[in-house]
Amino acid sequence: MSFPKLSAGTLKMLAMSGVATLAACQSVPVTSLPALSRLDPFSLDPAALRAAVTHQSSLRFVPGETVMLMRVNRKQEGVVLEETFALAQAPGDQSAPTEPGTLTTVLSVRNEDRDRFNAFQSDMRAIRDAKTGKHSFVISVSPAVCTDAAAESAEVSIYISGRAGDGFVPVARKQAVDEVRVCQTTTGDEGMKNG
C-alpha cells in the first residue's frame, strides 16, 4: 500500500534534554514556527491531536488510508522508532481553518489506535531519558484522496492542533498531492464524507 508523499505536510522537531524544539524545515511556513515549537511530542494527547486538511470539494478521503507517521531519528543511526496511525474523520471543530473555495476535513487518531499511540510516546520518552545524543522527531500527515472523475492535479493545505482550544497551525499550504485516484464506489463504500 502506498501513500501520497507530502513533504510539506511534515513537521520536524529536535528533542533535546526533554524539551521539544522545532528544527529547520523548509516546508513549514515561517509564521508557524513559534506555535509549533510549543508542541510537545512527549505529552500529546491522541484524543485531542487533530489534523485539518483543506481541499477541493471534489476530493474525498479514502477510509483507512489517510495516515499520520511519527518517527524518531538519531543523527548517526537514522530511524530508531517509527509508527503509522490511520486517521479517521473527527467531529467538526469550529476553530478548524477554512480557505476560499475549499472544504475542511478534520481528522484524528482512531480510537482503536490510541493505546498504540501512547505506547509510542512511552518509547519516545525512554529514548529521550537514555540521553544517547540528539534525536529529531518527525510527524507527517499523508492524505489519501480520490475523486469521482479523473483529476490531473489536486492540492491540500494541512494544519495541526495539539490540544483542545489551541487552534490549528499551518504546516503545509497548497501543496500538490502526488496521487489522486478515481474513487471506487461499491455498496457501502463511498469514501469519507467531506467537511
N, C-alpha and C. Protein backbone atom coordinates (compact mmCIF):
# COMPACT_ATOMS: atom_id res chain seq x y z
N MET A 1 0.85 -1.16 0.00
CA MET A 1 0.00 0.00 0.00
C MET A 1 0.90 1.23 0.00
N SER A 2 0.67 2.16 -0.93
CA SER A 2 1.49 3.37 -0.96
C SER A 2 0.62 4.57 -0.63
N PHE A 3 1.25 5.58 -0.08
CA PHE A 3 0.55 6.79 0.31
C PHE A 3 1.16 7.96 -0.41
N PRO A 4 0.35 8.97 -0.74
CA PRO A 4 0.92 10.16 -1.34
C PRO A 4 1.94 10.77 -0.40
N LYS A 5 3.05 11.22 -0.92
CA LYS A 5 4.08 11.85 -0.10
C LYS A 5 3.87 13.36 -0.14
N LEU A 6 3.70 13.96 1.00
CA LEU A 6 3.54 15.41 1.08
C LEU A 6 4.67 15.92 1.95
N SER A 7 5.77 16.26 1.35
CA SER A 7 6.91 16.69 2.15
C SER A 7 6.56 17.91 2.97
N ALA A 8 5.70 18.75 2.46
CA ALA A 8 5.35 19.96 3.19
C ALA A 8 4.39 19.67 4.33
N GLY A 9 3.86 18.47 4.38
CA GLY A 9 3.00 18.11 5.50
C GLY A 9 3.79 17.55 6.66
N THR A 10 5.08 17.79 6.66
CA THR A 10 5.94 17.21 7.68
C THR A 10 6.37 18.27 8.66
N LEU A 11 6.24 17.96 9.92
CA LEU A 11 6.70 18.82 10.99
C LEU A 11 7.86 18.11 11.65
N LYS A 12 9.00 18.76 11.73
CA LYS A 12 10.19 18.11 12.28
C LYS A 12 10.61 18.84 13.55
N MET A 13 10.85 18.10 14.60
CA MET A 13 11.28 18.69 15.87
C MET A 13 12.56 18.03 16.33
N LEU A 14 13.34 18.76 17.06
CA LEU A 14 14.55 18.23 17.64
C LEU A 14 14.33 18.12 19.14
N ALA A 15 14.45 16.92 19.68
CA ALA A 15 14.22 16.72 21.11
C ALA A 15 15.56 16.75 21.83
N MET A 16 15.73 17.70 22.72
CA MET A 16 16.98 17.83 23.45
C MET A 16 16.66 18.00 24.93
N SER A 17 17.22 17.15 25.75
CA SER A 17 17.06 17.25 27.20
C SER A 17 15.61 17.37 27.61
N GLY A 18 14.75 16.66 26.93
CA GLY A 18 13.35 16.64 27.33
C GLY A 18 12.55 17.82 26.83
N VAL A 19 13.15 18.73 26.10
CA VAL A 19 12.43 19.88 25.58
C VAL A 19 12.31 19.72 24.07
N ALA A 20 11.14 19.82 23.55
CA ALA A 20 10.95 19.69 22.11
C ALA A 20 11.07 21.06 21.47
N THR A 21 11.99 21.21 20.56
CA THR A 21 12.14 22.47 19.85
C THR A 21 12.10 22.20 18.36
N LEU A 22 11.60 23.15 17.62
CA LEU A 22 11.45 22.94 16.20
C LEU A 22 12.77 23.04 15.48
N ALA A 23 13.05 22.08 14.64
CA ALA A 23 14.24 22.13 13.80
C ALA A 23 13.88 22.80 12.49
N ALA A 24 14.88 23.25 11.76
CA ALA A 24 14.62 23.91 10.49
C ALA A 24 13.93 22.95 9.54
N CYS A 25 12.89 23.40 8.93
CA CYS A 25 12.15 22.58 7.97
C CYS A 25 11.61 23.51 6.91
N GLN A 26 12.13 23.46 5.70
CA GLN A 26 11.77 24.40 4.66
C GLN A 26 10.29 24.39 4.35
N SER A 27 9.63 23.28 4.53
CA SER A 27 8.25 23.15 4.10
C SER A 27 7.25 23.80 5.04
N VAL A 28 7.61 24.07 6.27
CA VAL A 28 6.69 24.64 7.24
C VAL A 28 6.72 26.16 7.12
N PRO A 29 5.53 26.81 7.04
CA PRO A 29 5.52 28.27 6.98
C PRO A 29 6.25 28.88 8.17
N VAL A 30 7.08 29.87 7.91
CA VAL A 30 7.88 30.50 8.97
C VAL A 30 6.99 31.04 10.08
N THR A 31 5.82 31.55 9.71
CA THR A 31 4.92 32.13 10.72
C THR A 31 4.39 31.08 11.69
N SER A 32 4.50 29.79 11.34
CA SER A 32 4.02 28.72 12.21
C SER A 32 5.05 28.27 13.23
N LEU A 33 6.32 28.63 13.03
CA LEU A 33 7.39 28.10 13.88
C LEU A 33 7.19 28.35 15.37
N PRO A 34 6.81 29.56 15.80
CA PRO A 34 6.65 29.76 17.26
C PRO A 34 5.59 28.84 17.87
N ALA A 35 4.44 28.70 17.22
CA ALA A 35 3.38 27.84 17.77
C ALA A 35 3.79 26.38 17.73
N LEU A 36 4.44 25.96 16.66
CA LEU A 36 4.85 24.57 16.55
C LEU A 36 5.95 24.22 17.55
N SER A 37 6.77 25.19 17.91
CA SER A 37 7.85 24.91 18.87
C SER A 37 7.29 24.60 20.26
N ARG A 38 6.04 24.96 20.50
CA ARG A 38 5.41 24.67 21.80
C ARG A 38 4.69 23.32 21.80
N LEU A 39 4.67 22.64 20.67
CA LEU A 39 4.02 21.33 20.58
C LEU A 39 4.95 20.28 21.18
N ASP A 40 4.52 19.65 22.24
CA ASP A 40 5.36 18.69 22.96
C ASP A 40 5.02 17.26 22.55
N PRO A 41 5.87 16.62 21.74
CA PRO A 41 5.54 15.27 21.27
C PRO A 41 5.47 14.23 22.38
N PHE A 42 6.08 14.52 23.52
CA PHE A 42 6.10 13.55 24.62
C PHE A 42 4.79 13.51 25.39
N SER A 43 4.00 14.57 25.27
CA SER A 43 2.77 14.61 26.05
C SER A 43 1.52 14.85 25.19
N LEU A 44 1.62 14.72 23.88
CA LEU A 44 0.45 14.89 23.03
C LEU A 44 -0.63 13.90 23.44
N ASP A 45 -1.85 14.38 23.54
CA ASP A 45 -2.98 13.52 23.85
C ASP A 45 -3.59 13.07 22.53
N PRO A 46 -3.56 11.76 22.23
CA PRO A 46 -4.10 11.32 20.94
C PRO A 46 -5.58 11.64 20.76
N ALA A 47 -6.31 11.79 21.86
CA ALA A 47 -7.72 12.15 21.75
C ALA A 47 -7.91 13.61 21.35
N ALA A 48 -6.92 14.45 21.62
CA ALA A 48 -7.03 15.88 21.30
C ALA A 48 -6.27 16.26 20.03
N LEU A 49 -5.30 15.46 19.63
CA LEU A 49 -4.50 15.76 18.44
C LEU A 49 -5.39 15.73 17.20
N ARG A 50 -5.33 16.79 16.42
CA ARG A 50 -6.14 16.90 15.21
C ARG A 50 -5.29 17.35 14.04
N ALA A 51 -5.64 16.84 12.87
CA ALA A 51 -5.10 17.34 11.61
C ALA A 51 -6.30 17.86 10.83
N ALA A 52 -6.20 19.07 10.33
CA ALA A 52 -7.26 19.62 9.47
C ALA A 52 -6.68 19.73 8.07
N VAL A 53 -7.43 19.25 7.10
CA VAL A 53 -6.98 19.29 5.71
C VAL A 53 -8.01 20.07 4.91
N THR A 54 -7.56 21.17 4.30
CA THR A 54 -8.44 21.89 3.39
C THR A 54 -8.17 21.38 1.98
N HIS A 55 -9.24 21.22 1.21
CA HIS A 55 -9.12 20.55 -0.09
C HIS A 55 -10.26 20.97 -1.00
N GLN A 56 -10.09 20.68 -2.28
CA GLN A 56 -11.15 20.93 -3.24
C GLN A 56 -12.38 20.10 -2.88
N SER A 57 -13.55 20.64 -3.18
CA SER A 57 -14.78 19.95 -2.81
C SER A 57 -14.95 18.63 -3.54
N SER A 58 -14.25 18.45 -4.67
CA SER A 58 -14.39 17.21 -5.44
C SER A 58 -13.61 16.04 -4.83
N LEU A 59 -12.74 16.31 -3.85
CA LEU A 59 -11.92 15.26 -3.26
C LEU A 59 -12.62 14.59 -2.09
N ARG A 60 -12.39 13.29 -1.97
CA ARG A 60 -12.85 12.52 -0.80
C ARG A 60 -11.66 11.78 -0.25
N PHE A 61 -11.71 11.48 1.03
CA PHE A 61 -10.63 10.74 1.68
C PHE A 61 -10.93 9.25 1.60
N VAL A 62 -9.90 8.47 1.29
CA VAL A 62 -10.06 7.02 1.22
C VAL A 62 -10.02 6.49 2.65
N PRO A 63 -11.10 5.84 3.12
CA PRO A 63 -11.15 5.38 4.51
C PRO A 63 -9.97 4.47 4.85
N GLY A 64 -9.34 4.74 5.99
CA GLY A 64 -8.26 3.90 6.49
C GLY A 64 -6.91 4.12 5.86
N GLU A 65 -6.82 4.98 4.82
CA GLU A 65 -5.55 5.17 4.13
C GLU A 65 -4.91 6.53 4.36
N THR A 66 -5.64 7.47 4.94
CA THR A 66 -5.02 8.74 5.32
C THR A 66 -4.32 8.49 6.65
N VAL A 67 -3.03 8.78 6.69
CA VAL A 67 -2.24 8.37 7.85
C VAL A 67 -1.41 9.50 8.43
N MET A 68 -1.06 9.32 9.69
CA MET A 68 -0.10 10.16 10.38
C MET A 68 1.10 9.29 10.71
N LEU A 69 2.26 9.72 10.25
CA LEU A 69 3.50 9.00 10.52
C LEU A 69 4.25 9.74 11.62
N MET A 70 4.73 9.01 12.61
CA MET A 70 5.57 9.59 13.65
C MET A 70 6.88 8.82 13.66
N ARG A 71 7.99 9.56 13.72
CA ARG A 71 9.30 8.92 13.61
C ARG A 71 10.30 9.65 14.51
N VAL A 72 11.18 8.88 15.11
CA VAL A 72 12.31 9.42 15.86
C VAL A 72 13.58 9.00 15.12
N ASN A 73 14.43 9.97 14.82
CA ASN A 73 15.71 9.71 14.15
C ASN A 73 16.86 10.07 15.09
N ARG A 74 17.94 9.32 15.00
CA ARG A 74 19.17 9.66 15.69
C ARG A 74 20.19 10.00 14.61
N LYS A 75 20.96 11.05 14.83
CA LYS A 75 21.83 11.59 13.79
C LYS A 75 22.68 10.52 13.10
N GLN A 76 23.39 9.71 13.85
CA GLN A 76 24.27 8.72 13.24
C GLN A 76 23.54 7.47 12.75
N GLU A 77 22.42 7.14 13.37
CA GLU A 77 21.77 5.85 13.12
C GLU A 77 20.56 5.92 12.21
N GLY A 78 20.03 7.08 11.96
CA GLY A 78 18.80 7.18 11.18
C GLY A 78 17.59 6.87 12.04
N VAL A 79 16.60 6.22 11.46
CA VAL A 79 15.35 5.95 12.17
C VAL A 79 15.58 4.96 13.30
N VAL A 80 15.16 5.34 14.50
CA VAL A 80 15.25 4.42 15.63
C VAL A 80 13.87 4.01 16.15
N LEU A 81 12.85 4.74 15.75
CA LEU A 81 11.49 4.43 16.20
C LEU A 81 10.53 5.03 15.18
N GLU A 82 9.52 4.24 14.78
CA GLU A 82 8.59 4.74 13.77
C GLU A 82 7.25 4.04 13.94
N GLU A 83 6.18 4.78 13.75
CA GLU A 83 4.84 4.21 13.83
C GLU A 83 3.91 4.99 12.91
N THR A 84 2.96 4.30 12.32
CA THR A 84 1.97 4.93 11.45
C THR A 84 0.59 4.70 12.03
N PHE A 85 -0.21 5.76 12.05
CA PHE A 85 -1.56 5.70 12.60
C PHE A 85 -2.56 6.12 11.53
N ALA A 86 -3.56 5.28 11.29
CA ALA A 86 -4.63 5.66 10.37
C ALA A 86 -5.47 6.74 11.04
N LEU A 87 -5.91 7.71 10.24
CA LEU A 87 -6.72 8.80 10.76
C LEU A 87 -8.17 8.61 10.35
N ALA A 88 -9.06 9.04 11.22
CA ALA A 88 -10.49 8.96 10.95
C ALA A 88 -11.07 10.37 11.05
N GLN A 89 -12.20 10.57 10.38
CA GLN A 89 -12.82 11.88 10.45
C GLN A 89 -13.28 12.15 11.87
N ALA A 90 -12.93 13.33 12.37
CA ALA A 90 -13.27 13.73 13.73
C ALA A 90 -14.52 14.60 13.69
N PRO A 91 -15.15 14.76 14.85
CA PRO A 91 -16.30 15.68 14.88
C PRO A 91 -15.87 17.06 14.42
N GLY A 92 -16.78 17.79 13.83
CA GLY A 92 -16.49 19.14 13.35
C GLY A 92 -15.91 20.02 14.44
N ASP A 93 -15.04 20.90 14.06
CA ASP A 93 -14.38 21.80 15.01
C ASP A 93 -14.51 23.22 14.47
N GLN A 94 -15.17 24.08 15.23
CA GLN A 94 -15.40 25.43 14.75
C GLN A 94 -14.12 26.23 14.57
N SER A 95 -13.04 25.81 15.21
CA SER A 95 -11.79 26.53 15.07
C SER A 95 -10.98 26.04 13.86
N ALA A 96 -11.51 25.02 13.16
CA ALA A 96 -10.80 24.48 12.00
C ALA A 96 -10.67 25.56 10.93
N PRO A 97 -9.52 25.61 10.26
CA PRO A 97 -9.28 26.64 9.26
C PRO A 97 -10.15 26.45 8.03
N THR A 98 -10.41 27.54 7.36
CA THR A 98 -11.12 27.48 6.08
C THR A 98 -10.33 28.31 5.07
N GLU A 99 -10.44 27.93 3.84
CA GLU A 99 -9.83 28.68 2.75
C GLU A 99 -10.90 28.86 1.68
N PRO A 100 -10.92 30.01 1.01
CA PRO A 100 -11.97 30.25 -0.01
C PRO A 100 -12.01 29.14 -1.06
N GLY A 101 -13.21 28.67 -1.36
CA GLY A 101 -13.40 27.68 -2.41
C GLY A 101 -13.00 26.26 -2.04
N THR A 102 -12.78 26.00 -0.75
CA THR A 102 -12.38 24.65 -0.33
C THR A 102 -13.27 24.16 0.80
N LEU A 103 -13.16 22.87 1.07
CA LEU A 103 -13.78 22.27 2.25
C LEU A 103 -12.67 21.93 3.24
N THR A 104 -13.02 21.80 4.50
CA THR A 104 -12.06 21.38 5.52
C THR A 104 -12.55 20.09 6.16
N THR A 105 -11.67 19.10 6.21
CA THR A 105 -11.96 17.85 6.89
C THR A 105 -11.02 17.74 8.07
N VAL A 106 -11.59 17.53 9.26
CA VAL A 106 -10.80 17.39 10.48
C VAL A 106 -10.64 15.90 10.78
N LEU A 107 -9.39 15.49 11.02
CA LEU A 107 -9.06 14.09 11.24
C LEU A 107 -8.38 13.90 12.59
N SER A 108 -8.52 12.71 13.15
CA SER A 108 -7.85 12.40 14.41
C SER A 108 -7.42 10.94 14.41
N VAL A 109 -6.55 10.61 15.34
CA VAL A 109 -6.12 9.22 15.51
C VAL A 109 -7.34 8.39 15.89
N ARG A 110 -7.51 7.25 15.24
CA ARG A 110 -8.66 6.41 15.52
C ARG A 110 -8.65 5.95 16.98
N ASN A 111 -9.82 5.79 17.56
CA ASN A 111 -9.95 5.35 18.95
C ASN A 111 -9.17 4.07 19.21
N GLU A 112 -9.24 3.12 18.27
CA GLU A 112 -8.59 1.82 18.49
C GLU A 112 -7.07 1.91 18.42
N ASP A 113 -6.52 3.04 17.96
CA ASP A 113 -5.06 3.21 17.88
C ASP A 113 -4.48 4.06 19.01
N ARG A 114 -5.32 4.54 19.89
CA ARG A 114 -4.83 5.47 20.93
C ARG A 114 -3.90 4.80 21.93
N ASP A 115 -4.14 3.55 22.28
CA ASP A 115 -3.22 2.85 23.19
C ASP A 115 -1.86 2.67 22.52
N ARG A 116 -1.86 2.35 21.23
CA ARG A 116 -0.61 2.20 20.49
C ARG A 116 0.13 3.54 20.40
N PHE A 117 -0.62 4.63 20.24
CA PHE A 117 -0.04 5.98 20.23
C PHE A 117 0.64 6.26 21.57
N ASN A 118 -0.06 5.95 22.66
CA ASN A 118 0.52 6.17 23.99
C ASN A 118 1.76 5.32 24.21
N ALA A 119 1.76 4.09 23.70
CA ALA A 119 2.93 3.22 23.83
C ALA A 119 4.11 3.80 23.04
N PHE A 120 3.83 4.36 21.87
CA PHE A 120 4.88 5.00 21.07
C PHE A 120 5.49 6.17 21.85
N GLN A 121 4.66 6.96 22.50
CA GLN A 121 5.16 8.08 23.31
C GLN A 121 6.01 7.57 24.46
N SER A 122 5.61 6.48 25.06
CA SER A 122 6.39 5.91 26.15
C SER A 122 7.78 5.50 25.65
N ASP A 123 7.83 4.89 24.47
CA ASP A 123 9.12 4.52 23.87
C ASP A 123 9.95 5.76 23.55
N MET A 124 9.28 6.84 23.08
CA MET A 124 10.00 8.09 22.80
C MET A 124 10.61 8.66 24.08
N ARG A 125 9.83 8.64 25.16
CA ARG A 125 10.35 9.15 26.44
C ARG A 125 11.54 8.33 26.91
N ALA A 126 11.50 7.01 26.70
CA ALA A 126 12.62 6.15 27.10
C ALA A 126 13.88 6.51 26.31
N ILE A 127 13.73 6.79 25.02
CA ILE A 127 14.87 7.20 24.19
C ILE A 127 15.41 8.53 24.69
N ARG A 128 14.52 9.47 24.97
CA ARG A 128 14.95 10.77 25.49
C ARG A 128 15.68 10.62 26.82
N ASP A 129 15.11 9.84 27.72
CA ASP A 129 15.68 9.70 29.05
C ASP A 129 17.00 8.95 29.06
N ALA A 130 17.26 8.15 28.02
CA ALA A 130 18.54 7.44 27.92
C ALA A 130 19.69 8.38 27.59
N LYS A 131 19.37 9.58 27.11
CA LYS A 131 20.37 10.62 26.81
C LYS A 131 21.51 10.08 25.95
N THR A 132 21.12 9.50 24.82
CA THR A 132 22.11 8.92 23.91
C THR A 132 22.41 9.85 22.74
N GLY A 133 22.22 11.12 22.93
CA GLY A 133 22.51 12.08 21.87
C GLY A 133 21.24 12.75 21.38
N LYS A 134 21.42 13.61 20.39
CA LYS A 134 20.29 14.37 19.86
C LYS A 134 19.47 13.51 18.92
N HIS A 135 18.17 13.71 19.02
CA HIS A 135 17.22 12.99 18.18
C HIS A 135 16.28 14.01 17.53
N SER A 136 15.78 13.67 16.39
CA SER A 136 14.74 14.51 15.78
C SER A 136 13.43 13.74 15.78
N PHE A 137 12.35 14.47 15.90
CA PHE A 137 11.01 13.90 15.89
C PHE A 137 10.31 14.43 14.66
N VAL A 138 9.73 13.54 13.88
CA VAL A 138 9.02 13.92 12.67
C VAL A 138 7.58 13.45 12.78
N ILE A 139 6.67 14.34 12.47
CA ILE A 139 5.26 13.96 12.37
C ILE A 139 4.79 14.44 11.01
N SER A 140 4.16 13.55 10.26
CA SER A 140 3.66 13.95 8.94
C SER A 140 2.27 13.37 8.71
N VAL A 141 1.52 14.07 7.90
CA VAL A 141 0.17 13.64 7.54
C VAL A 141 0.16 13.42 6.04
N SER A 142 -0.26 12.23 5.62
CA SER A 142 -0.34 11.90 4.20
C SER A 142 -1.78 11.56 3.85
N PRO A 143 -2.49 12.52 3.24
CA PRO A 143 -3.88 12.25 2.87
C PRO A 143 -3.97 11.35 1.65
N ALA A 144 -4.80 10.34 1.71
CA ALA A 144 -5.10 9.50 0.55
C ALA A 144 -6.46 9.96 0.04
N VAL A 145 -6.48 10.51 -1.17
CA VAL A 145 -7.71 11.11 -1.68
C VAL A 145 -8.11 10.50 -3.01
N CYS A 146 -9.39 10.61 -3.29
CA CYS A 146 -9.91 10.16 -4.56
C CYS A 146 -10.97 11.14 -5.02
N THR A 147 -11.34 11.02 -6.29
CA THR A 147 -12.37 11.88 -6.87
C THR A 147 -13.22 11.05 -7.81
N ASP A 148 -14.43 11.52 -8.10
CA ASP A 148 -15.33 10.74 -8.95
C ASP A 148 -14.88 10.71 -10.41
N ALA A 149 -14.14 11.73 -10.83
CA ALA A 149 -13.66 11.77 -12.21
C ALA A 149 -12.15 11.93 -12.18
N ALA A 150 -11.50 11.51 -13.24
CA ALA A 150 -10.05 11.63 -13.29
C ALA A 150 -9.64 13.09 -13.11
N ALA A 151 -8.66 13.31 -12.25
CA ALA A 151 -8.17 14.66 -12.00
C ALA A 151 -6.69 14.72 -12.32
N GLU A 152 -6.29 15.78 -12.97
CA GLU A 152 -4.87 15.92 -13.30
C GLU A 152 -4.05 16.30 -12.07
N SER A 153 -4.63 17.11 -11.23
CA SER A 153 -3.89 17.55 -10.05
C SER A 153 -4.85 17.92 -8.94
N ALA A 154 -4.31 17.95 -7.75
CA ALA A 154 -5.08 18.36 -6.58
C ALA A 154 -4.10 18.93 -5.58
N GLU A 155 -4.58 19.84 -4.75
CA GLU A 155 -3.73 20.38 -3.71
C GLU A 155 -4.49 20.47 -2.41
N VAL A 156 -3.75 20.40 -1.33
CA VAL A 156 -4.32 20.46 0.01
C VAL A 156 -3.46 21.37 0.87
N SER A 157 -4.06 21.86 1.94
CA SER A 157 -3.31 22.53 3.00
C SER A 157 -3.53 21.71 4.26
N ILE A 158 -2.49 21.59 5.07
CA ILE A 158 -2.56 20.75 6.27
C ILE A 158 -2.27 21.61 7.50
N TYR A 159 -3.08 21.43 8.52
CA TYR A 159 -2.96 22.14 9.79
C TYR A 159 -2.92 21.13 10.92
N ILE A 160 -2.26 21.47 12.02
CA ILE A 160 -2.17 20.58 13.18
C ILE A 160 -2.65 21.35 14.41
N SER A 161 -3.37 20.65 15.27
CA SER A 161 -3.73 21.19 16.58
C SER A 161 -3.37 20.13 17.61
N GLY A 162 -2.57 20.52 18.61
CA GLY A 162 -2.09 19.57 19.59
C GLY A 162 -2.97 19.43 20.82
N ARG A 163 -3.76 20.46 21.11
CA ARG A 163 -4.61 20.42 22.31
C ARG A 163 -5.93 21.11 22.02
N ALA A 164 -6.97 20.65 22.67
CA ALA A 164 -8.28 21.29 22.52
C ALA A 164 -8.16 22.75 22.91
N GLY A 165 -8.70 23.61 22.09
CA GLY A 165 -8.68 25.04 22.39
C GLY A 165 -7.45 25.77 21.89
N ASP A 166 -6.44 25.04 21.39
CA ASP A 166 -5.21 25.69 20.92
C ASP A 166 -5.34 26.28 19.52
N GLY A 167 -6.31 25.86 18.77
CA GLY A 167 -6.42 26.31 17.39
C GLY A 167 -5.48 25.51 16.50
N PHE A 168 -5.60 25.71 15.21
CA PHE A 168 -4.82 24.96 14.23
C PHE A 168 -3.68 25.81 13.69
N VAL A 169 -2.54 25.16 13.48
CA VAL A 169 -1.34 25.82 12.98
C VAL A 169 -1.02 25.23 11.61
N PRO A 170 -0.81 26.07 10.59
CA PRO A 170 -0.50 25.52 9.26
C PRO A 170 0.89 24.89 9.21
N VAL A 171 0.96 23.68 8.63
CA VAL A 171 2.25 23.03 8.41
C VAL A 171 2.51 22.85 6.91
N ALA A 172 1.49 23.02 6.10
CA ALA A 172 1.66 22.96 4.64
C ALA A 172 0.54 23.76 4.01
N ARG A 173 0.89 24.60 3.07
CA ARG A 173 -0.14 25.39 2.38
C ARG A 173 -0.12 25.08 0.89
N LYS A 174 -1.30 24.71 0.38
CA LYS A 174 -1.50 24.49 -1.06
C LYS A 174 -0.40 23.64 -1.67
N GLN A 175 -0.26 22.45 -1.13
CA GLN A 175 0.74 21.50 -1.61
C GLN A 175 0.10 20.48 -2.54
N ALA A 176 0.79 20.16 -3.59
CA ALA A 176 0.28 19.18 -4.55
C ALA A 176 0.25 17.79 -3.93
N VAL A 177 -0.80 17.06 -4.21
CA VAL A 177 -0.91 15.66 -3.81
C VAL A 177 -0.33 14.83 -4.95
N ASP A 178 0.54 13.89 -4.60
CA ASP A 178 1.23 13.10 -5.62
C ASP A 178 0.30 12.20 -6.42
N GLU A 179 -0.73 11.68 -5.78
CA GLU A 179 -1.61 10.73 -6.46
C GLU A 179 -3.06 11.00 -6.08
N VAL A 180 -3.88 11.18 -7.10
CA VAL A 180 -5.32 11.29 -6.89
C VAL A 180 -5.97 10.18 -7.70
N ARG A 181 -6.60 9.26 -7.00
CA ARG A 181 -7.23 8.13 -7.66
C ARG A 181 -8.69 8.44 -8.00
N VAL A 182 -9.25 7.67 -8.89
CA VAL A 182 -10.69 7.71 -9.12
C VAL A 182 -11.31 6.85 -8.04
N CYS A 183 -12.32 7.38 -7.35
CA CYS A 183 -12.94 6.64 -6.24
C CYS A 183 -13.58 5.36 -6.75
N GLN A 184 -13.37 4.30 -6.03
CA GLN A 184 -14.01 3.02 -6.32
C GLN A 184 -15.27 2.96 -5.49
N THR A 185 -16.41 3.13 -6.10
CA THR A 185 -17.66 3.13 -5.34
C THR A 185 -18.32 1.77 -5.43
N THR A 186 -18.47 1.18 -4.28
CA THR A 186 -19.22 -0.06 -4.15
C THR A 186 -20.25 0.17 -3.06
N THR A 187 -21.18 -0.68 -2.94
CA THR A 187 -22.22 -0.51 -1.93
C THR A 187 -21.62 -0.35 -0.56
N GLY A 188 -21.96 0.75 0.11
CA GLY A 188 -21.48 0.99 1.47
C GLY A 188 -20.09 1.57 1.54
N ASP A 189 -19.43 1.83 0.40
CA ASP A 189 -18.08 2.39 0.42
C ASP A 189 -18.02 3.59 -0.49
N GLU A 190 -18.27 4.75 0.08
CA GLU A 190 -18.28 5.97 -0.70
C GLU A 190 -17.21 6.93 -0.27
N GLY A 191 -16.22 6.45 0.43
CA GLY A 191 -15.18 7.35 0.91
C GLY A 191 -15.68 8.15 2.10
N MET A 192 -14.75 8.73 2.84
CA MET A 192 -15.12 9.58 3.97
C MET A 192 -15.82 10.81 3.44
N LYS A 193 -16.93 11.17 4.04
CA LYS A 193 -17.63 12.36 3.59
C LYS A 193 -16.81 13.59 3.93
N ASN A 194 -16.89 14.58 3.08
CA ASN A 194 -16.13 15.81 3.25
C ASN A 194 -16.77 16.74 4.26
N GLY A 195 -15.88 17.60 4.77
CA GLY A 195 -16.25 18.74 5.58
C GLY A 195 -17.09 18.39 6.73
